N, C-alpha and C. Protein backbone atom coordinates (compact mmCIF):
# COMPACT_ATOMS: atom_id res chain seq x y z
N MET A 1 33.95 37.42 -42.61
CA MET A 1 35.12 37.41 -41.84
C MET A 1 35.11 36.96 -40.37
N LYS A 2 33.73 37.68 -39.70
CA LYS A 2 33.81 36.83 -38.44
C LYS A 2 33.60 35.37 -38.09
N ASN A 3 32.58 34.83 -39.07
CA ASN A 3 32.38 33.57 -39.06
C ASN A 3 33.59 32.67 -39.24
N GLU A 4 34.54 32.94 -40.06
CA GLU A 4 35.91 32.55 -40.45
C GLU A 4 36.58 32.52 -39.03
N GLN A 5 36.88 33.47 -38.36
CA GLN A 5 37.39 33.59 -37.11
C GLN A 5 36.59 32.64 -35.78
N SER A 6 35.71 32.33 -36.12
CA SER A 6 34.86 31.76 -34.83
C SER A 6 35.02 30.07 -34.93
N TRP A 7 35.39 29.83 -36.38
CA TRP A 7 35.67 28.27 -36.48
C TRP A 7 37.20 28.04 -36.41
N LEU A 8 37.90 28.92 -36.52
CA LEU A 8 39.51 28.81 -36.51
C LEU A 8 40.18 29.11 -34.60
N SER A 9 39.13 29.38 -33.96
CA SER A 9 39.61 29.88 -32.76
C SER A 9 40.14 28.78 -32.00
N PRO A 10 39.46 27.42 -32.27
CA PRO A 10 40.16 26.28 -31.51
C PRO A 10 41.53 26.20 -31.81
N PHE A 11 42.14 26.36 -33.41
CA PHE A 11 43.30 26.07 -33.75
C PHE A 11 44.15 27.11 -33.51
N PHE A 12 43.80 28.29 -32.99
CA PHE A 12 44.46 29.08 -32.51
C PHE A 12 45.20 29.11 -30.78
N SER A 13 43.91 28.62 -30.27
CA SER A 13 44.10 28.51 -28.95
C SER A 13 45.00 27.06 -28.29
N LYS A 14 44.91 26.41 -29.15
CA LYS A 14 45.68 25.01 -28.83
C LYS A 14 47.52 25.33 -28.27
N PRO A 15 48.15 26.45 -28.65
CA PRO A 15 49.25 26.39 -28.19
C PRO A 15 49.32 27.36 -26.84
N TYR A 16 48.09 27.63 -26.70
CA TYR A 16 48.11 28.15 -24.94
C TYR A 16 47.71 26.78 -23.96
N VAL A 17 47.11 25.92 -24.25
CA VAL A 17 46.48 25.13 -23.55
C VAL A 17 47.63 23.67 -23.45
N ASP A 18 47.94 23.47 -22.10
CA ASP A 18 48.78 22.56 -21.91
C ASP A 18 48.35 20.94 -22.13
N ALA A 19 49.66 20.29 -23.21
CA ALA A 19 49.40 19.39 -24.09
C ALA A 19 48.86 18.50 -22.77
N SER A 20 49.21 18.37 -21.50
CA SER A 20 48.45 17.47 -20.86
C SER A 20 46.96 17.24 -20.41
N ILE A 21 46.52 18.32 -20.34
CA ILE A 21 45.33 18.91 -19.95
C ILE A 21 44.57 18.66 -21.48
N THR A 22 44.93 18.96 -22.32
CA THR A 22 44.47 18.48 -23.48
C THR A 22 44.34 16.96 -23.94
N THR A 23 45.40 15.90 -23.52
CA THR A 23 45.10 14.88 -23.77
C THR A 23 44.04 14.32 -22.48
N LEU A 24 44.03 14.80 -21.26
CA LEU A 24 43.05 14.18 -20.47
C LEU A 24 41.57 14.54 -20.80
N ILE A 25 41.54 15.63 -21.76
CA ILE A 25 40.14 15.92 -21.97
C ILE A 25 39.64 14.82 -23.12
N GLY A 26 41.07 14.93 -24.30
CA GLY A 26 40.59 13.78 -25.26
C GLY A 26 40.15 12.56 -24.87
N THR A 27 40.84 12.12 -23.71
CA THR A 27 40.56 10.72 -23.28
C THR A 27 39.51 10.45 -22.44
N SER A 28 39.02 11.59 -21.94
CA SER A 28 37.66 11.42 -21.12
C SER A 28 36.36 11.28 -22.19
N ARG A 29 36.66 11.60 -23.77
CA ARG A 29 35.83 11.33 -24.42
C ARG A 29 35.57 9.98 -24.69
N SER A 30 35.90 9.05 -24.45
CA SER A 30 36.08 7.80 -24.55
C SER A 30 34.79 6.86 -23.42
N ILE A 31 34.70 7.89 -22.29
CA ILE A 31 33.65 7.46 -21.45
C ILE A 31 32.36 8.05 -21.74
N PHE A 32 32.17 9.01 -22.70
CA PHE A 32 31.10 9.42 -23.17
C PHE A 32 30.68 8.46 -24.17
N ILE A 33 31.51 7.97 -24.85
CA ILE A 33 31.40 7.09 -25.88
C ILE A 33 30.82 5.63 -25.46
N VAL A 34 31.23 5.49 -24.37
CA VAL A 34 31.09 3.87 -23.66
C VAL A 34 29.48 4.25 -23.03
N LEU A 35 29.47 5.41 -22.59
CA LEU A 35 27.72 5.62 -21.74
C LEU A 35 26.68 5.85 -23.06
N GLY A 36 27.20 6.56 -24.04
CA GLY A 36 26.15 6.40 -25.39
C GLY A 36 26.03 5.31 -26.05
N THR A 37 26.82 4.19 -25.75
CA THR A 37 26.42 3.14 -26.41
C THR A 37 25.87 2.04 -25.70
N LEU A 38 25.87 2.46 -24.37
CA LEU A 38 25.03 1.70 -23.55
C LEU A 38 23.74 2.15 -23.53
N LEU A 39 23.67 3.62 -23.67
CA LEU A 39 22.16 4.23 -23.62
C LEU A 39 21.50 3.83 -24.75
N PHE A 40 22.23 4.25 -26.01
CA PHE A 40 21.45 4.10 -27.28
C PHE A 40 21.30 2.73 -27.88
N MET A 41 22.56 2.00 -27.53
CA MET A 41 22.34 0.57 -28.62
C MET A 41 22.49 -0.36 -27.68
N ASN A 42 22.54 -0.34 -26.27
CA ASN A 42 22.43 -1.50 -24.97
C ASN A 42 23.67 -2.31 -25.69
N ILE A 43 24.86 -1.96 -25.74
CA ILE A 43 25.93 -2.43 -25.69
C ILE A 43 26.83 -2.16 -25.00
N PHE A 44 27.38 -3.23 -24.12
CA PHE A 44 28.46 -2.68 -22.78
C PHE A 44 29.88 -3.43 -23.15
N PRO A 45 30.94 -2.90 -22.79
CA PRO A 45 32.05 -3.45 -23.43
C PRO A 45 32.37 -4.79 -22.18
N THR A 46 33.33 -5.23 -23.25
CA THR A 46 33.75 -6.48 -22.34
C THR A 46 34.44 -6.24 -21.30
N ASN A 47 35.14 -7.34 -20.01
CA ASN A 47 35.95 -6.78 -19.02
C ASN A 47 37.21 -6.47 -19.52
N TYR A 48 37.54 -7.04 -20.61
CA TYR A 48 39.05 -6.81 -21.12
C TYR A 48 39.14 -5.48 -21.72
N GLN A 49 38.00 -5.05 -22.52
CA GLN A 49 37.99 -3.74 -22.83
C GLN A 49 37.85 -2.57 -21.74
N LEU A 50 37.09 -2.71 -20.59
CA LEU A 50 36.93 -1.55 -19.59
C LEU A 50 38.01 -1.93 -18.70
N TRP A 51 38.59 -2.95 -18.41
CA TRP A 51 40.04 -2.72 -17.66
C TRP A 51 41.08 -1.83 -18.82
N GLY A 52 41.36 -2.35 -19.85
CA GLY A 52 42.31 -1.58 -20.88
C GLY A 52 41.81 0.14 -20.83
N GLY A 53 40.45 0.39 -20.84
CA GLY A 53 40.01 1.86 -20.53
C GLY A 53 40.29 2.74 -19.54
N THR A 54 39.83 1.87 -18.16
CA THR A 54 40.29 2.23 -16.99
C THR A 54 41.51 2.26 -16.70
N LEU A 55 42.59 1.69 -17.24
CA LEU A 55 44.23 1.59 -16.99
C LEU A 55 44.73 2.91 -18.30
N THR A 56 44.17 2.98 -18.96
CA THR A 56 44.71 3.80 -20.08
C THR A 56 44.31 5.33 -19.40
N ILE A 57 42.82 5.45 -18.84
CA ILE A 57 42.73 6.85 -18.49
C ILE A 57 43.40 7.18 -17.17
N ALA A 58 43.47 5.96 -16.17
CA ALA A 58 44.14 6.07 -14.92
C ALA A 58 45.87 6.66 -15.12
N GLY A 59 46.48 6.13 -16.17
CA GLY A 59 47.91 6.35 -16.72
C GLY A 59 47.70 7.99 -16.72
N ILE A 60 46.85 8.46 -17.94
CA ILE A 60 46.81 9.68 -18.24
C ILE A 60 46.60 10.69 -16.96
N VAL A 61 45.74 10.42 -16.23
CA VAL A 61 45.65 11.19 -15.13
C VAL A 61 46.64 11.27 -14.08
N ILE A 62 47.47 10.27 -13.94
CA ILE A 62 48.64 10.20 -12.89
C ILE A 62 49.64 11.14 -13.78
N ILE A 63 50.00 11.07 -15.08
CA ILE A 63 50.57 11.83 -15.62
C ILE A 63 50.53 13.15 -15.69
N THR A 64 49.00 13.78 -15.76
CA THR A 64 48.64 15.03 -15.72
C THR A 64 48.92 15.45 -14.40
N ILE A 65 48.62 14.80 -13.48
CA ILE A 65 48.41 15.21 -12.31
C ILE A 65 49.86 15.57 -11.98
N ALA A 66 50.77 14.38 -12.13
CA ALA A 66 52.33 14.55 -11.87
C ALA A 66 52.78 16.04 -12.49
N ASP A 67 52.53 16.28 -13.89
CA ASP A 67 52.88 17.50 -14.71
C ASP A 67 52.57 18.58 -14.08
N ILE A 68 51.19 18.73 -13.55
CA ILE A 68 50.70 20.02 -12.90
C ILE A 68 51.26 20.39 -11.50
N SER A 69 51.90 19.24 -10.97
CA SER A 69 52.16 19.37 -9.50
C SER A 69 53.84 20.03 -9.83
N SER A 70 54.33 18.96 -10.80
CA SER A 70 55.90 19.71 -11.23
C SER A 70 55.89 21.35 -11.81
N ASN A 71 54.73 21.54 -12.46
CA ASN A 71 54.65 23.06 -12.81
C ASN A 71 54.59 24.28 -11.62
N ARG A 72 53.88 23.65 -10.49
CA ARG A 72 53.67 24.63 -9.56
C ARG A 72 54.83 24.79 -8.92
N THR A 73 55.54 23.60 -8.80
CA THR A 73 56.75 23.57 -7.62
C THR A 73 57.86 25.02 -8.66
N ASN A 74 58.16 24.75 -9.96
CA ASN A 74 58.74 25.34 -10.85
C ASN A 74 58.48 27.04 -10.80
């Protein structure tokens, strides 16, 4: 029974984690994917892909910061 609880714990903890922080963590995963492909396969994304990824991550960071600051004022 203990093993069943250990792999289910991420699903039960989701309601307690703020959605914006979860999105930020999920999006930052793409940075590690780019670094992994560069290190292991020697493949680098094109300029358009870099700009798109940078703008996407920047937008999510801005939304997360705005959400955190609005939660502190409330």
